[in-house]
Structures are given as structure tokens and as C-alpha cells.
Amino acid sequence: QVQLVESGGGLVQAGGSLRLSCVASGSILHINAMRWYRQTPGNQRVLVAAIHSGGGTNYADSVKGRFTISRDNAWNTVYLHMNSLKPEDTAVYHCNVGRWSMPDLWGQGTQVTVSS
């Protein structure tokens, strides 16, 4: 089973930047999208950004203009570039790979903490 491993989280001051990475341990077939979600204690995971196999992207309103999702050409790695971070961006960030007619893949998450 292919595993997704996130990295790049950490503690940053408000206004700072981080880049999250999510690397797949092997090739993934039938990808329809790669996504980043975030989750805070007691709440459900919320979609932050997605990049689709057709090339389009979409973002949560709360991160538009500050976050950028990108991927490598092999669809092996997905990134989340986060700028102008705010304390409300504090969460565990999970990557997700959606596949046609197969279960999604999830990473274990990486903690992002933004101090005020």
C-alpha cells in the first residue's frame, strides 16, 4: 500500500511562511486530485486546497491569496506554500490523494502552529 508522508510543519510567527510537502512512497494510479485538509481539535477536517488532474485548483476562501498548492510532474509530491500565516491557520494539515474508483489515500498529518 502506498503511503503519504507529510513534512514541513512547525512553529512560525504570524505573517511568516511555511512550505508543506507530501511525498508518496510509490507510484499512485488513477489520481483525480491531490488535496490538503486541516483539522483542529474537536472539529472535522476541512478542505484547504486541491489540485485536479485536469490542472485546475481550488482553495478555501480563508486561504485564497495566501496559500498555493502545487505538485511535481510525476504526481508523486504535493506542496502547500503558505504565506502571511495567521494564528487561525493553526491546525494539523493532512494531504489526501483522490483516486478514480478507489479509496482515497491520507497522510498522518503535520502540525502547523502560528503564534500571534
Protein backbone atom coordinates (compact mmCIF):
# COMPACT_ATOMS: atom_id res chain seq x y z
CA GLN A 1 0.00 0.00 0.00
CA VAL A 2 1.34 3.41 -0.95
CA GLN A 3 1.89 5.73 2.00
CA LEU A 4 1.80 9.51 2.09
CA VAL A 5 4.28 11.29 4.33
CA GLU A 6 3.90 14.97 5.14
CA SER A 7 6.66 17.27 6.33
CA GLY A 8 7.39 20.95 6.71
CA GLY A 9 5.13 21.82 9.61
CA GLY A 10 6.33 23.69 12.65
CA LEU A 11 6.02 26.82 14.74
CA VAL A 12 6.02 30.17 12.96
CA GLN A 13 5.11 33.72 13.88
CA ALA A 14 2.09 35.41 12.38
CA GLY A 15 2.97 36.80 8.97
CA GLY A 16 5.51 34.11 8.33
CA SER A 17 5.64 31.37 5.74
CA LEU A 18 5.91 27.60 5.60
CA ARG A 19 6.00 25.05 2.83
CA LEU A 20 4.39 21.69 3.44
CA SER A 21 5.37 18.66 1.39
CA CYS A 22 3.62 15.33 0.96
CA VAL A 23 5.56 12.54 -0.70
CA ALA A 24 4.12 9.24 -1.86
CA SER A 25 6.15 6.11 -1.12
CA GLY A 26 5.38 4.71 -4.57
CA SER A 27 3.51 5.36 -7.77
CA ILE A 28 -0.18 6.12 -7.47
CA LEU A 29 -2.51 5.23 -10.30
CA HIS A 30 -5.79 6.80 -11.32
CA ILE A 31 -5.31 10.06 -9.44
CA ASN A 32 -8.11 12.56 -9.83
CA ALA A 33 -6.88 15.14 -7.33
CA MET A 34 -4.32 15.89 -4.66
CA ARG A 35 -5.54 17.91 -1.71
CA TRP A 36 -4.60 19.44 1.61
CA TYR A 37 -7.01 19.38 4.53
CA ARG A 38 -6.60 20.77 8.01
CA GLN A 39 -8.10 19.80 11.32
CA THR A 40 -8.28 21.46 14.72
CA PRO A 41 -9.18 19.63 17.95
CA GLY A 42 -12.84 18.69 18.13
CA ASN A 43 -13.54 19.64 14.54
CA GLN A 44 -13.80 17.83 11.23
CA ARG A 45 -11.15 18.02 8.59
CA VAL A 46 -11.69 20.96 6.29
CA LEU A 47 -10.51 21.20 2.70
CA VAL A 48 -7.83 23.85 2.30
CA ALA A 49 -6.69 23.41 -1.30
CA ALA A 50 -6.91 20.97 -4.16
CA ILE A 51 -5.18 20.45 -7.49
CA HIS A 52 -7.05 18.37 -10.03
CA SER A 53 -5.84 16.01 -12.72
CA GLY A 54 -7.19 18.42 -15.30
CA GLY A 55 -4.92 21.12 -13.95
CA GLY A 56 -7.37 23.29 -12.07
CA THR A 57 -7.01 24.33 -8.46
CA ASN A 58 -9.41 25.47 -5.79
CA TYR A 59 -8.94 26.98 -2.35
CA ALA A 60 -10.92 27.59 0.79
CA ASP A 61 -11.98 31.23 0.97
CA SER A 62 -9.98 31.67 4.16
CA VAL A 63 -6.67 30.94 2.41
CA LYS A 64 -7.18 32.43 -1.04
CA GLY A 65 -4.35 34.73 -1.99
CA ARG A 66 -2.12 33.38 0.78
CA PHE A 67 -1.73 29.66 0.06
CA THR A 68 -0.67 27.95 -3.17
CA ILE A 69 -0.92 24.26 -3.95
CA SER A 70 1.44 22.69 -6.45
CA ARG A 71 2.73 19.26 -7.40
CA ASP A 72 5.62 17.63 -9.19
CA ASN A 73 5.29 16.35 -12.74
CA ALA A 74 5.16 12.73 -11.63
CA TRP A 75 2.19 13.32 -9.30
CA ASN A 76 4.42 11.92 -6.56
CA THR A 77 4.64 15.01 -4.37
CA VAL A 78 2.19 17.75 -3.50
CA TYR A 79 3.15 21.00 -1.83
CA LEU A 80 1.32 23.68 0.07
CA HIS A 81 3.04 27.04 0.10
CA MET A 82 1.62 29.08 2.96
CA ASN A 83 2.31 32.80 3.23
CA SER A 84 1.03 35.53 5.54
CA LEU A 85 0.17 32.92 8.12
CA LYS A 86 -2.38 33.77 10.80
CA PRO A 87 -2.99 32.21 14.21
CA GLU A 88 -6.25 30.80 12.87
CA ASP A 89 -4.23 28.72 10.40
CA THR A 90 -3.00 26.64 13.33
CA ALA A 91 -4.04 23.03 12.71
CA VAL A 92 -2.85 19.59 11.76
CA TYR A 93 -2.50 19.54 7.98
CA HIS A 94 -3.19 16.31 6.13
CA CYS A 95 -2.56 15.51 2.49
CA ASN A 96 -5.06 13.47 0.53
CA VAL A 97 -4.95 11.77 -2.83
CA GLY A 98 -8.25 11.07 -4.53
CA ARG A 99 -8.40 8.19 -6.96
CA TRP A 100 -10.98 7.08 -9.52
CA SER A 101 -13.00 4.11 -8.19
CA MET A 102 -10.55 3.51 -5.34
CA PRO A 103 -10.34 4.71 -1.75
CA ASP A 104 -8.61 7.98 -1.02
CA LEU A 105 -5.13 7.93 0.48
CA TRP A 106 -4.33 10.00 3.56
CA GLY A 107 -1.16 11.10 5.25
CA GLN A 108 -0.66 11.10 9.00
CA GLY A 109 -0.58 14.87 9.27
CA THR A 110 1.87 17.59 10.18
CA GLN A 111 1.31 20.21 12.87
CA VAL A 112 1.35 23.88 11.94
CA THR A 113 1.30 26.34 14.80
CA VAL A 114 1.15 30.09 14.18
CA SER A 115 1.90 32.34 17.14
CA SER A 116 0.49 35.84 17.44
